[in-house]
Amino acid sequence: MLIESVPTIFVQAFALTYSWLNENLVSPFVAFTRGFEFALIFMAAALFFAISVFLLLRQAKKLPKSYTIKIVNLYGELVSIDGVRQTFATHDAAESYARMYRSEFGHQYRFKVAGVADPGKS
């Protein structure tokens, strides 16, 4: 009888200690930290957005200021053709004109679009 009561006392003491700690320490701490869940998620989203914008702006600074069409003849030499526009502000416009010139001039010339960092040096 004495041998059975000693483990029972330990189990009851452990259960009482566990329930007291749960009610007085763990539950209030969990309730307190639940208020910070939204703030933590919001801060993580804001940090992700800020890093994304920073990387996007850093890449945008590396883009060329203007685009030129390089004209290469059959012999591989760079040439300039009168009446052919060669400097453009956007890549889409330069690519569109290069396609138009390819269809106009056929296989006499090759038209390549190249970015220029400084528009004064084409």
PDB file of N, CA and C in Angstrom:
ATOM      1  N   MET A   1       0.811  -1.177   0.000  1.00  0.00           N
ATOM      2  CA  MET A   1       0.000   0.000   0.000  1.00  0.00           C
ATOM      3  C   MET A   1       0.871   1.265   0.000  1.00  0.00           C
ATOM      4  N   LEU A   2       1.918   1.250   0.739  1.00  0.00           N
ATOM      5  CA  LEU A   2       2.818   2.390   0.781  1.00  0.00           C
ATOM      6  C   LEU A   2       3.547   2.553  -0.549  1.00  0.00           C
ATOM      7  N   ILE A   3       3.874   1.439  -1.178  1.00  0.00           N
ATOM      8  CA  ILE A   3       4.574   1.491  -2.462  1.00  0.00           C
ATOM      9  C   ILE A   3       3.683   2.085  -3.549  1.00  0.00           C
ATOM     10  N   GLU A   4       2.403   1.820  -3.522  1.00  0.00           N
ATOM     11  CA  GLU A   4       1.484   2.353  -4.523  1.00  0.00           C
ATOM     12  C   GLU A   4       1.189   3.832  -4.288  1.00  0.00           C
ATOM     13  N   SER A   5       1.224   4.271  -3.076  1.00  0.00           N
ATOM     14  CA  SER A   5       0.857   5.662  -2.793  1.00  0.00           C
ATOM     15  C   SER A   5       1.973   6.648  -3.148  1.00  0.00           C
ATOM     16  N   VAL A   6       3.250   6.230  -3.116  1.00  0.00           N
ATOM     17  CA  VAL A   6       4.362   7.122  -3.447  1.00  0.00           C
ATOM     18  C   VAL A   6       4.305   7.544  -4.921  1.00  0.00           C
ATOM     19  N   PRO A   7       4.160   6.609  -5.906  1.00  0.00           N
ATOM     20  CA  PRO A   7       4.037   7.058  -7.308  1.00  0.00           C
ATOM     21  C   PRO A   7       2.780   7.892  -7.543  1.00  0.00           C
ATOM     22  N   THR A   8       1.715   7.556  -6.810  1.00  0.00           N
ATOM     23  CA  THR A   8       0.472   8.323  -6.970  1.00  0.00           C
ATOM     24  C   THR A   8       0.676   9.759  -6.517  1.00  0.00           C
ATOM     25  N   ILE A   9       1.404   9.957  -5.430  1.00  0.00           N
ATOM     26  CA  ILE A   9       1.681  11.306  -4.934  1.00  0.00           C
ATOM     27  C   ILE A   9       2.516  12.073  -5.961  1.00  0.00           C
ATOM     28  N   PHE A  10       3.549  11.428  -6.536  1.00  0.00           N
ATOM     29  CA  PHE A  10       4.374  12.081  -7.560  1.00  0.00           C
ATOM     30  C   PHE A  10       3.552  12.449  -8.803  1.00  0.00           C
ATOM     31  N   VAL A  11       2.689  11.556  -9.225  1.00  0.00           N
ATOM     32  CA  VAL A  11       1.861  11.824 -10.405  1.00  0.00           C
ATOM     33  C   VAL A  11       0.905  12.980 -10.126  1.00  0.00           C
ATOM     34  N   GLN A  12       0.289  12.991  -8.980  1.00  0.00           N
ATOM     35  CA  GLN A  12      -0.641  14.073  -8.638  1.00  0.00           C
ATOM     36  C   GLN A  12       0.104  15.407  -8.483  1.00  0.00           C
ATOM     37  N   ALA A  13       1.291  15.357  -7.882  1.00  0.00           N
ATOM     38  CA  ALA A  13       2.083  16.591  -7.741  1.00  0.00           C
ATOM     39  C   ALA A  13       2.498  17.116  -9.114  1.00  0.00           C
ATOM     40  N   PHE A  14       2.900  16.210 -10.005  1.00  0.00           N
ATOM     41  CA  PHE A  14       3.279  16.617 -11.359  1.00  0.00           C
ATOM     42  C   PHE A  14       2.075  17.209 -12.097  1.00  0.00           C
ATOM     43  N   ALA A  15       0.914  16.563 -11.967  1.00  0.00           N
ATOM     44  CA  ALA A  15      -0.293  17.052 -12.633  1.00  0.00           C
ATOM     45  C   ALA A  15      -0.696  18.413 -12.092  1.00  0.00           C
ATOM     46  N   LEU A  16      -0.595  18.585 -10.793  1.00  0.00           N
ATOM     47  CA  LEU A  16      -0.940  19.868 -10.191  1.00  0.00           C
ATOM     48  C   LEU A  16       0.041  20.955 -10.638  1.00  0.00           C
ATOM     49  N   THR A  17       1.332  20.640 -10.650  1.00  0.00           N
ATOM     50  CA  THR A  17       2.348  21.600 -11.089  1.00  0.00           C
ATOM     51  C   THR A  17       2.159  21.950 -12.567  1.00  0.00           C
ATOM     52  N   TYR A  18       1.901  20.937 -13.376  1.00  0.00           N
ATOM     53  CA  TYR A  18       1.695  21.157 -14.812  1.00  0.00           C
ATOM     54  C   TYR A  18       0.483  22.049 -15.056  1.00  0.00           C
ATOM     55  N   SER A  19      -0.609  21.767 -14.412  1.00  0.00           N
ATOM     56  CA  SER A  19      -1.824  22.558 -14.625  1.00  0.00           C
ATOM     57  C   SER A  19      -1.627  23.990 -14.110  1.00  0.00           C
ATOM     58  N   TRP A  20      -0.923  24.170 -12.986  1.00  0.00           N
ATOM     59  CA  TRP A  20      -0.672  25.517 -12.462  1.00  0.00           C
ATOM     60  C   TRP A  20       0.210  26.314 -13.428  1.00  0.00           C
ATOM     61  N   LEU A  21       1.291  25.680 -13.925  1.00  0.00           N
ATOM     62  CA  LEU A  21       2.168  26.354 -14.883  1.00  0.00           C
ATOM     63  C   LEU A  21       1.427  26.684 -16.172  1.00  0.00           C
ATOM     64  N   ASN A  22       0.585  25.774 -16.614  1.00  0.00           N
ATOM     65  CA  ASN A  22      -0.171  25.991 -17.845  1.00  0.00           C
ATOM     66  C   ASN A  22      -1.130  27.165 -17.691  1.00  0.00           C
ATOM     67  N   GLU A  23      -1.821  27.233 -16.568  1.00  0.00           N
ATOM     68  CA  GLU A  23      -2.799  28.297 -16.359  1.00  0.00           C
ATOM     69  C   GLU A  23      -2.146  29.639 -16.060  1.00  0.00           C
ATOM     70  N   ASN A  24      -1.030  29.653 -15.352  1.00  0.00           N
ATOM     71  CA  ASN A  24      -0.447  30.909 -14.897  1.00  0.00           C
ATOM     72  C   ASN A  24       0.760  31.392 -15.696  1.00  0.00           C
ATOM     73  N   LEU A  25       1.358  30.543 -16.493  1.00  0.00           N
ATOM     74  CA  LEU A  25       2.540  30.959 -17.228  1.00  0.00           C
ATOM     75  C   LEU A  25       2.368  30.795 -18.738  1.00  0.00           C
ATOM     76  N   VAL A  26       1.987  29.621 -19.176  1.00  0.00           N
ATOM     77  CA  VAL A  26       1.920  29.327 -20.606  1.00  0.00           C
ATOM     78  C   VAL A  26       0.728  30.021 -21.263  1.00  0.00           C
ATOM     79  N   SER A  27      -0.451  29.885 -20.710  1.00  0.00           N
ATOM     80  CA  SER A  27      -1.647  30.475 -21.332  1.00  0.00           C
ATOM     81  C   SER A  27      -1.564  31.995 -21.434  1.00  0.00           C
ATOM     82  N   PRO A  28      -1.158  32.722 -20.375  1.00  0.00           N
ATOM     83  CA  PRO A  28      -1.030  34.178 -20.550  1.00  0.00           C
ATOM     84  C   PRO A  28       0.046  34.565 -21.562  1.00  0.00           C
ATOM     85  N   PHE A  29       1.132  33.827 -21.601  1.00  0.00           N
ATOM     86  CA  PHE A  29       2.193  34.126 -22.574  1.00  0.00           C
ATOM     87  C   PHE A  29       1.700  33.922 -24.002  1.00  0.00           C
ATOM     88  N   VAL A  30       0.966  32.826 -24.236  1.00  0.00           N
ATOM     89  CA  VAL A  30       0.423  32.554 -25.576  1.00  0.00           C
ATOM     90  C   VAL A  30      -0.603  33.612 -25.954  1.00  0.00           C
ATOM     91  N   ALA A  31      -1.449  33.997 -25.022  1.00  0.00           N
ATOM     92  CA  ALA A  31      -2.446  35.038 -25.304  1.00  0.00           C
ATOM     93  C   ALA A  31      -1.759  36.370 -25.599  1.00  0.00           C
ATOM     94  N   PHE A  32      -0.672  36.670 -24.899  1.00  0.00           N
ATOM     95  CA  PHE A  32       0.068  37.910 -25.126  1.00  0.00           C
ATOM     96  C   PHE A  32       0.737  37.915 -26.494  1.00  0.00           C
ATOM     97  N   THR A  33       1.325  36.785 -26.883  1.00  0.00           N
ATOM     98  CA  THR A  33       2.033  36.726 -28.161  1.00  0.00           C
ATOM     99  C   THR A  33       1.085  36.648 -29.352  1.00  0.00           C
ATOM    100  N   ARG A  34      -0.145  36.229 -29.154  1.00  0.00           N
ATOM    101  CA  ARG A  34      -1.091  36.191 -30.279  1.00  0.00           C
ATOM    102  C   ARG A  34      -1.354  37.586 -30.826  1.00  0.00           C
ATOM    103  N   GLY A  35      -1.261  38.569 -29.990  1.00  0.00           N
ATOM    104  CA  GLY A  35      -1.449  39.942 -30.440  1.00  0.00           C
ATOM    105  C   GLY A  35      -0.347  40.389 -31.379  1.00  0.00           C
ATOM    106  N   PHE A  36       0.812  39.760 -31.319  1.00  0.00           N
ATOM    107  CA  PHE A  36       1.931  40.142 -32.173  1.00  0.00           C
ATOM    108  C   PHE A  36       1.985  39.352 -33.479  1.00  0.00           C
ATOM    109  N   GLU A  37       1.116  38.372 -33.657  1.00  0.00           N
ATOM    110  CA  GLU A  37       1.133  37.580 -34.894  1.00  0.00           C
ATOM    111  C   GLU A  37       0.900  38.468 -36.107  1.00  0.00           C
ATOM    112  N   PHE A  38      -0.144  39.301 -36.029  1.00  0.00           N
ATOM    113  CA  PHE A  38      -0.457  40.167 -37.163  1.00  0.00           C
ATOM    114  C   PHE A  38       0.674  41.146 -37.426  1.00  0.00           C
ATOM    115  N   ALA A  39       1.216  41.715 -36.362  1.00  0.00           N
ATOM    116  CA  ALA A  39       2.303  42.682 -36.523  1.00  0.00           C
ATOM    117  C   ALA A  39       3.529  42.015 -37.132  1.00  0.00           C
ATOM    118  N   LEU A  40       3.828  40.809 -36.709  1.00  0.00           N
ATOM    119  CA  LEU A  40       4.986  40.091 -37.244  1.00  0.00           C
ATOM    120  C   LEU A  40       4.795  39.760 -38.724  1.00  0.00           C
ATOM    121  N   ILE A  41       3.615  39.296 -39.083  1.00  0.00           N
ATOM    122  CA  ILE A  41       3.331  38.984 -40.488  1.00  0.00           C
ATOM    123  C   ILE A  41       3.368  40.258 -41.332  1.00  0.00           C
ATOM    124  N   PHE A  42       2.804  41.347 -40.817  1.00  0.00           N
ATOM    125  CA  PHE A  42       2.808  42.614 -41.535  1.00  0.00           C
ATOM    126  C   PHE A  42       4.234  43.130 -41.725  1.00  0.00           C
ATOM    127  N   MET A  43       5.050  43.031 -40.696  1.00  0.00           N
ATOM    128  CA  MET A  43       6.438  43.499 -40.799  1.00  0.00           C
ATOM    129  C   MET A  43       7.229  42.659 -41.801  1.00  0.00           C
ATOM    130  N   ALA A  44       6.992  41.351 -41.815  1.00  0.00           N
ATOM    131  CA  ALA A  44       7.681  40.493 -42.784  1.00  0.00           C
ATOM    132  C   ALA A  44       7.271  40.849 -44.213  1.00  0.00           C
ATOM    133  N   ALA A  45       5.979  41.102 -44.423  1.00  0.00           N
ATOM    134  CA  ALA A  45       5.504  41.495 -45.761  1.00  0.00           C
ATOM    135  C   ALA A  45       6.075  42.845 -46.173  1.00  0.00           C
ATOM    136  N   ALA A  46       6.128  43.788 -45.243  1.00  0.00           N
ATOM    137  CA  ALA A  46       6.680  45.106 -45.558  1.00  0.00           C
ATOM    138  C   ALA A  46       8.170  45.009 -45.861  1.00  0.00           C
ATOM    139  N   LEU A  47       8.894  44.193 -45.128  1.00  0.00           N
ATOM    140  CA  LEU A  47      10.319  44.004 -45.380  1.00  0.00           C
ATOM    141  C   LEU A  47      10.544  43.364 -46.750  1.00  0.00           C
ATOM    142  N   PHE A  48       9.748  42.366 -47.092  1.00  0.00           N
ATOM    143  CA  PHE A  48       9.843  41.726 -48.410  1.00  0.00           C
ATOM    144  C   PHE A  48       9.569  42.739 -49.518  1.00  0.00           C
ATOM    145  N   PHE A  49       8.545  43.561 -49.341  1.00  0.00           N
ATOM    146  CA  PHE A  49       8.215  44.578 -50.341  1.00  0.00           C
ATOM    147  C   PHE A  49       9.345  45.593 -50.485  1.00  0.00           C
ATOM    148  N   ALA A  50       9.923  46.024 -49.378  1.00  0.00           N
ATOM    149  CA  ALA A  50      11.008  47.004 -49.423  1.00  0.00           C
ATOM    150  C   ALA A  50      12.242  46.434 -50.124  1.00  0.00           C
ATOM    151  N   ILE A  51      12.575  45.200 -49.839  1.00  0.00           N
ATOM    152  CA  ILE A  51      13.722  44.564 -50.497  1.00  0.00           C
ATOM    153  C   ILE A  51      13.459  44.409 -51.990  1.00  0.00           C
ATOM    154  N   SER A  52      12.239  44.031 -52.352  1.00  0.00           N
ATOM    155  CA  SER A  52      11.884  43.883 -53.766  1.00  0.00           C
ATOM    156  C   SER A  52      12.001  45.212 -54.510  1.00  0.00           C
ATOM    157  N   VAL A  53      11.508  46.278 -53.915  1.00  0.00           N
ATOM    158  CA  VAL A  53      11.594  47.593 -54.551  1.00  0.00           C
ATOM    159  C   VAL A  53      13.052  48.025 -54.681  1.00  0.00           C
ATOM    160  N   PHE A  54      13.852  47.778 -53.643  1.00  0.00           N
ATOM    161  CA  PHE A  54      15.272  48.132 -53.697  1.00  0.00           C
ATOM    162  C   PHE A  54      15.974  47.399 -54.833  1.00  0.00           C
ATOM    163  N   LEU A  55      15.731  46.095 -54.968  1.00  0.00           N
ATOM    164  CA  LEU A  55      16.373  45.326 -56.041  1.00  0.00           C
ATOM    165  C   LEU A  55      15.888  45.781 -57.414  1.00  0.00           C
ATOM    166  N   LEU A  56      14.612  46.099 -57.527  1.00  0.00           N
ATOM    167  CA  LEU A  56      14.070  46.566 -58.801  1.00  0.00           C
ATOM    168  C   LEU A  56      14.690  47.898 -59.207  1.00  0.00           C
ATOM    169  N   LEU A  57      14.814  48.822 -58.271  1.00  0.00           N
ATOM    170  CA  LEU A  57      15.405  50.116 -58.587  1.00  0.00           C
ATOM    171  C   LEU A  57      16.887  49.997 -58.901  1.00  0.00           C
ATOM    172  N   ARG A  58      17.567  49.093 -58.234  1.00  0.00           N
ATOM    173  CA  ARG A  58      18.987  48.900 -58.522  1.00  0.00           C
ATOM    174  C   ARG A  58      19.182  48.354 -59.940  1.00  0.00           C
ATOM    175  N   GLN A  59      18.302  47.439 -60.354  1.00  0.00           N
ATOM    176  CA  GLN A  59      18.372  46.915 -61.723  1.00  0.00           C
ATOM    177  C   GLN A  59      17.987  47.982 -62.736  1.00  0.00           C
ATOM    178  N   ALA A  60      17.035  48.841 -62.394  1.00  0.00           N
ATOM    179  CA  ALA A  60      16.590  49.883 -63.331  1.00  0.00           C
ATOM    180  C   ALA A  60      17.709  50.877 -63.611  1.00  0.00           C
ATOM    181  N   LYS A  61      18.580  51.115 -62.642  1.00  0.00           N
ATOM    182  CA  LYS A  61      19.699  52.029 -62.863  1.00  0.00           C
ATOM    183  C   LYS A  61      20.702  51.455 -63.851  1.00  0.00           C
ATOM    184  N   LYS A  62      20.750  50.143 -63.993  1.00  0.00           N
ATOM    185  CA  LYS A  62      21.712  49.504 -64.889  1.00  0.00           C
ATOM    186  C   LYS A  62      21.218  49.444 -66.336  1.00  0.00           C
ATOM    187  N   LEU A  63      19.952  49.795 -66.576  1.00  0.00           N
ATOM    188  CA  LEU A  63      19.415  49.750 -67.931  1.00  0.00           C
ATOM    189  C   LEU A  63      20.052  50.842 -68.784  1.00  0.00           C
ATOM    190  N   PRO A  64      20.188  50.587 -70.089  1.00  0.00           N
ATOM    191  CA  PRO A  64      20.761  51.607 -70.978  1.00  0.00           C
ATOM    192  C   PRO A  64      19.847  52.823 -71.090  1.00  0.00           C
ATOM    193  N   LYS A  65      20.467  53.977 -71.359  1.00  0.00           N
ATOM    194  CA  LYS A  65      19.701  55.216 -71.517  1.00  0.00           C
ATOM    195  C   LYS A  65      19.027  55.285 -72.873  1.00  0.00           C
ATOM    196  N   SER A  66      19.655  54.688 -73.890  1.00  0.00           N
ATOM    197  CA  SER A  66      19.063  54.658 -75.225  1.00  0.00           C
ATOM    198  C   SER A  66      19.530  53.386 -75.935  1.00  0.00           C
ATOM    199  N   TYR A  67      18.945  53.151 -77.077  1.00  0.00           N
ATOM    200  CA  TYR A  67      19.257  51.953 -77.869  1.00  0.00           C
ATOM    201  C   TYR A  67      19.594  52.369 -79.287  1.00  0.00           C
ATOM    202  N   THR A  68      20.537  51.667 -79.875  1.00  0.00           N
ATOM    203  CA  THR A  68      20.903  51.942 -81.264  1.00  0.00           C
ATOM    204  C   THR A  68      20.775  50.663 -82.078  1.00  0.00           C
ATOM    205  N   ILE A  69      20.622  50.866 -83.384  1.00  0.00           N
ATOM    206  CA  ILE A  69      20.617  49.740 -84.308  1.00  0.00           C
ATOM    207  C   ILE A  69      21.975  49.713 -84.983  1.00  0.00           C
ATOM    208  N   LYS A  70      22.692  48.622 -84.802  1.00  0.00           N
ATOM    209  CA  LYS A  70      23.981  48.429 -85.472  1.00  0.00           C
ATOM    210  C   LYS A  70      23.692  47.760 -86.810  1.00  0.00           C
ATOM    211  N   ILE A  71      24.208  48.346 -87.879  1.00  0.00           N
ATOM    212  CA  ILE A  71      23.976  47.813 -89.228  1.00  0.00           C
ATOM    213  C   ILE A  71      25.281  47.205 -89.715  1.00  0.00           C
ATOM    214  N   VAL A  72      25.218  45.914 -90.062  1.00  0.00           N
ATOM    215  CA  VAL A  72      26.404  45.189 -90.524  1.00  0.00           C
ATOM    216  C   VAL A  72      26.128  44.711 -91.944  1.00  0.00           C
ATOM    217  N   ASN A  73      27.072  44.987 -92.857  1.00  0.00           N
ATOM    218  CA  ASN A  73      26.874  44.561 -94.248  1.00  0.00           C
ATOM    219  C   ASN A  73      27.303  43.102 -94.427  1.00  0.00           C
ATOM    220  N   LEU A  74      27.300  42.649 -95.661  1.00  0.00           N
ATOM    221  CA  LEU A  74      27.636  41.249 -95.950  1.00  0.00           C
ATOM    222  C   LEU A  74      29.073  40.892 -95.586  1.00  0.00           C
ATOM    223  N   TYR A  75      29.954  41.893 -95.554  1.00  0.00           N
ATOM    224  CA  TYR A  75      31.373  41.650 -95.272  1.00  0.00           C
ATOM    225  C   TYR A  75      31.700  41.756 -93.787  1.00  0.00           C
ATOM    226  N   GLY A  76      30.689  42.024 -92.964  1.00  0.00           N
ATOM    227  CA  GLY A  76      30.905  42.114 -91.526  1.00  0.00           C
ATOM    228  C   GLY A  76      31.347  43.476 -91.032  1.00  0.00           C
ATOM    229  N   GLU A  77      31.223  44.499 -91.858  1.00  0.00           N
ATOM    230  CA  GLU A  77      31.641  45.845 -91.480  1.00  0.00           C
ATOM    231  C   GLU A  77      30.433  46.641 -90.998  1.00  0.00           C
ATOM    232  N   LEU A  78      30.648  47.492 -89.992  1.00  0.00           N
ATOM    233  CA  LEU A  78      29.587  48.385 -89.539  1.00  0.00           C
ATOM    234  C   LEU A  78      29.418  49.496 -90.566  1.00  0.00           C
ATOM    235  N   VAL A  79      28.180  49.721 -90.987  1.00  0.00           N
ATOM    236  CA  VAL A  79      27.891  50.757 -91.980  1.00  0.00           C
ATOM    237  C   VAL A  79      26.752  51.621 -91.471  1.00  0.00           C
ATOM    238  N   SER A  80      26.585  52.756 -92.125  1.00  0.00           N
ATOM    239  CA  SER A  80      25.479  53.657 -91.826  1.00  0.00           C
ATOM    240  C   SER A  80      24.732  53.902 -93.131  1.00  0.00           C
ATOM    241  N   ILE A  81      23.424  53.726 -93.109  1.00  0.00           N
ATOM    242  CA  ILE A  81      22.602  53.895 -94.305  1.00  0.00           C
ATOM    243  C   ILE A  81      21.814  55.196 -94.155  1.00  0.00           C
ATOM    244  N   ASP A  82      21.836  56.026 -95.199  1.00  0.00           N
ATOM    245  CA  ASP A  82      21.084  57.282 -95.165  1.00  0.00           C
ATOM    246  C   ASP A  82      19.588  56.982 -95.093  1.00  0.00           C
ATOM    247  N   GLY A  83      18.885  57.721 -94.272  1.00  0.00           N
ATOM    248  CA  GLY A  83      17.438  57.565 -94.159  1.00  0.00           C
ATOM    249  C   GLY A  83      17.017  56.486 -93.172  1.00  0.00           C
ATOM    250  N   VAL A  84      17.971  55.842 -92.545  1.00  0.00           N
ATOM    251  CA  VAL A  84      17.652  54.798 -91.577  1.00  0.00           C
ATOM    252  C   VAL A  84      17.884  55.358 -90.180  1.00  0.00           C
ATOM    253  N   ARG A  85      16.848  55.381 -89.403  1.00  0.00           N
ATOM    254  CA  ARG A  85      16.953  55.872 -88.026  1.00  0.00           C
ATOM    255  C   ARG A  85      17.689  54.834 -87.192  1.00  0.00           C
ATOM    256  N   GLN A  86      18.660  55.280 -86.393  1.00  0.00           N
ATOM    257  CA  GLN A  86      19.483  54.329 -85.653  1.00  0.00           C
ATOM    258  C   GLN A  86      19.452  54.518 -84.150  1.00  0.00           C
ATOM    259  N   THR A  87      18.954  55.619 -83.625  1.00  0.00           N
ATOM    260  CA  THR A  87      18.938  55.862 -82.181  1.00  0.00           C
ATOM    261  C   THR A  87      17.500  55.930 -81.693  1.00  0.00           C
ATOM    262  N   PHE A  88      17.216  55.203 -80.590  1.00  0.00           N
ATOM    263  CA  PHE A  88      15.858  55.105 -80.055  1.00  0.00           C
ATOM    264  C   PHE A  88      15.897  55.203 -78.538  1.00  0.00           C
ATOM    265  N   ALA A  89      14.796  55.655 -77.964  1.00  0.00           N
ATOM    266  CA  ALA A  89      14.711  55.795 -76.509  1.00  0.00           C
ATOM    267  C   ALA A  89      14.331  54.482 -75.832  1.00  0.00           C
ATOM    268  N   THR A  90      13.556  53.630 -76.511  1.00  0.00           N
ATOM    269  CA  THR A  90      13.108  52.376 -75.888  1.00  0.00           C
ATOM    270  C   THR A  90      13.564  51.181 -76.713  1.00  0.00           C
ATOM    271  N   HIS A  91      13.690  50.069 -76.030  1.00  0.00           N
ATOM    272  CA  HIS A  91      14.102  48.828 -76.694  1.00  0.00           C
ATOM    273  C   HIS A  91      13.022  48.343 -77.656  1.00  0.00           C
ATOM    274  N   ASP A  92      11.759  48.487 -77.273  1.00  0.00           N
ATOM    275  CA  ASP A  92      10.667  48.022 -78.133  1.00  0.00           C
ATOM    276  C   ASP A  92      10.664  48.755 -79.474  1.00  0.00           C
ATOM    277  N   ALA A  93      10.881  50.065 -79.433  1.00  0.00           N
ATOM    278  CA  ALA A  93      10.900  50.835 -80.687  1.00  0.00           C
ATOM    279  C   ALA A  93      12.087  50.419 -81.546  1.00  0.00           C
ATOM    280  N   ALA A  94      13.252  50.256 -80.934  1.00  0.00           N
ATOM    281  CA  ALA A  94      14.438  49.855 -81.694  1.00  0.00           C
ATOM    282  C   ALA A  94      14.244  48.478 -82.314  1.00  0.00           C
ATOM    283  N   GLU A  95      13.689  47.558 -81.560  1.00  0.00           N
ATOM    284  CA  GLU A  95      13.458  46.208 -82.084  1.00  0.00           C
ATOM    285  C   GLU A  95      12.434  46.227 -83.215  1.00  0.00           C
ATOM    286  N   SER A  96      11.404  47.038 -83.077  1.00  0.00           N
ATOM    287  CA  SER A  96      10.387  47.145 -84.120  1.00  0.00           C
ATOM    288  C   SER A  96      10.983  47.705 -85.418  1.00  0.00           C
ATOM    289  N   TYR A  97      11.772  48.761 -85.314  1.00  0.00           N
ATOM    290  CA  TYR A  97      12.420  49.328 -86.499  1.00  0.00           C
ATOM    291  C   TYR A  97      13.419  48.346 -87.107  1.00  0.00           C
ATOM    292  N   ALA A  98      14.136  47.601 -86.284  1.00  0.00           N
ATOM    293  CA  ALA A  98      15.092  46.617 -86.802  1.00  0.00           C
ATOM    294  C   ALA A  98      14.358  45.541 -87.609  1.00  0.00           C
ATOM    295  N   ARG A  99      13.212  45.101 -87.115  1.00  0.00           N
ATOM    296  CA  ARG A  99      12.420  44.114 -87.881  1.00  0.00           C
ATOM    297  C   ARG A  99      11.939  44.711 -89.200  1.00  0.00           C
ATOM    298  N   MET A 100      11.496  45.975 -89.158  1.00  0.00           N
ATOM    299  CA  MET A 100      11.031  46.624 -90.380  1.00  0.00           C
ATOM    300  C   MET A 100      12.177  46.759 -91.383  1.00  0.00           C
ATOM    301  N   TYR A 101      13.366  47.140 -90.919  1.00  0.00           N
ATOM    302  CA  TYR A 101      14.511  47.286 -91.816  1.00  0.00           C
ATOM    303  C   TYR A 101      14.947  45.932 -92.371  1.00  0.00           C
ATOM    304  N   ARG A 102      14.855  44.875 -91.564  1.00  0.00           N
ATOM    305  CA  ARG A 102      15.196  43.537 -92.073  1.00  0.00           C
ATOM    306  C   ARG A 102      14.273  43.144 -93.221  1.00  0.00           C
ATOM    307  N   SER A 103      12.987  43.481 -93.072  1.00  0.00           N
ATOM    308  CA  SER A 103      12.054  43.132 -94.153  1.00  0.00           C
ATOM    309  C   SER A 103      12.268  44.025 -95.382  1.00  0.00           C
ATOM    310  N   GLU A 104      12.678  45.277 -95.189  1.00  0.00           N
ATOM    311  CA  GLU A 104      12.915  46.180 -96.319  1.00  0.00           C
ATOM    312  C   GLU A 104      14.187  45.834 -97.084  1.00  0.00           C
ATOM    313  N   PHE A 105      15.281  45.615 -96.370  1.00  0.00           N
ATOM    314  CA  PHE A 105      16.579  45.438 -97.012  1.00  0.00           C
ATOM    315  C   PHE A 105      16.934  43.979 -97.272  1.00  0.00           C
ATOM    316  N   GLY A 106      16.124  43.071 -96.819  1.00  0.00           N
ATOM    317  CA  GLY A 106      16.375  41.645 -97.089  1.00  0.00           C
ATOM    318  C   GLY A 106      17.641  41.157 -96.423  1.00  0.00           C
ATOM    319  N   HIS A 107      18.463  40.447 -97.190  1.00  0.00           N
ATOM    320  CA  HIS A 107      19.679  39.842 -96.641  1.00  0.00           C
ATOM    321  C   HIS A 107      20.939  40.655 -96.949  1.00  0.00           C
ATOM    322  N   GLN A 108      20.773  41.890 -97.414  1.00  0.00           N
ATOM    323  CA  GLN A 108      21.945  42.728 -97.690  1.00  0.00           C
ATOM    324  C   GLN A 108      22.634  43.178 -96.400  1.00  0.00           C
ATOM    325  N   TYR A 109      21.845  43.398 -95.365  1.00  0.00           N
ATOM    326  CA  TYR A 109      22.377  43.909 -94.103  1.00  0.00           C
ATOM    327  C   TYR A 109      21.798  43.112 -92.936  1.00  0.00           C
ATOM    328  N   ARG A 110      22.537  43.135 -91.843  1.00  0.00           N
ATOM    329  CA  ARG A 110      22.018  42.584 -90.589  1.00  0.00           C
ATOM    330  C   ARG A 110      21.815  43.753 -89.629  1.00  0.00           C
ATOM    331  N   PHE A 111      20.694  43.754 -88.937  1.00  0.00           N
ATOM    332  CA  PHE A 111      20.343  44.835 -88.014  1.00  0.00           C
ATOM    333  C   PHE A 111      20.290  44.265 -86.608  1.00  0.00           C
ATOM    334  N   LYS A 112      21.134  44.816 -85.724  1.00  0.00           N
ATOM    335  CA  LYS A 112      21.205  44.350 -84.340  1.00  0.00           C
ATOM    336  C   LYS A 112      20.886  45.516 -83.410  1.00  0.00           C
ATOM    337  N   VAL A 113      20.117  45.250 -82.379  1.00  0.00           N
ATOM    338  CA  VAL A 113      19.782  46.268 -81.390  1.00  0.00           C
ATOM    339  C   VAL A 113      20.792  46.178 -80.257  1.00  0.00           C
ATOM    340  N   ALA A 114      21.369  47.322 -79.888  1.00  0.00           N
ATOM    341  CA  ALA A 114      22.350  47.365 -78.793  1.00  0.00           C
ATOM    342  C   ALA A 114      22.010  48.530 -77.875  1.00  0.00           C
ATOM    343  N   GLY A 115      22.168  48.311 -76.584  1.00  0.00           N
ATOM    344  CA  GLY A 115      21.929  49.361 -75.605  1.00  0.00           C
ATOM    345  C   GLY A 115      23.139  50.256 -75.462  1.00  0.00           C
ATOM    346  N   VAL A 116      22.895  51.545 -75.242  1.00  0.00           N
ATOM    347  CA  VAL A 116      23.972  52.515 -75.072  1.00  0.00           C
ATOM    348  C   VAL A 116      23.781  53.168 -73.705  1.00  0.00           C
ATOM    349  N   ALA A 117      24.812  53.062 -72.839  1.00  0.00           N
ATOM    350  CA  ALA A 117      24.710  53.634 -71.499  1.00  0.00           C
ATOM    351  C   ALA A 117      24.715  55.155 -71.541  1.00  0.00           C
ATOM    352  N   ASP A 118      25.553  55.743 -72.389  1.00  0.00           N
ATOM    353  CA  ASP A 118      25.632  57.194 -72.519  1.00  0.00           C
ATOM    354  C   ASP A 118      25.135  57.562 -73.910  1.00  0.00           C
ATOM    355  N   PRO A 119      23.976  58.270 -74.022  1.00  0.00           N
ATOM    356  CA  PRO A 119      23.406  58.539 -75.351  1.00  0.00           C
ATOM    357  C   PRO A 119      24.295  59.408 -76.239  1.00  0.00           C
ATOM    358  N   GLY A 120      25.216  60.163 -75.672  1.00  0.00           N
ATOM    359  CA  GLY A 120      26.103  60.985 -76.494  1.00  0.00           C
ATOM    360  C   GLY A 120      27.108  60.151 -77.264  1.00  0.00           C
ATOM    361  N   LYS A 121      27.406  58.952 -76.752  1.00  0.00           N
ATOM    362  CA  LYS A 121      28.373  58.053 -77.406  1.00  0.00           C
ATOM    363  C   LYS A 121      27.614  56.928 -78.091  1.00  0.00           C
ATOM    364  N   SER A 122      27.290  57.066 -79.325  1.00  0.00           N
ATOM    365  CA  SER A 122      26.576  55.997 -80.037  1.00  0.00           C
ATOM    366  C   SER A 122      27.505  55.355 -80.977  1.00  0.00           C
TER     367      SER A 122
END
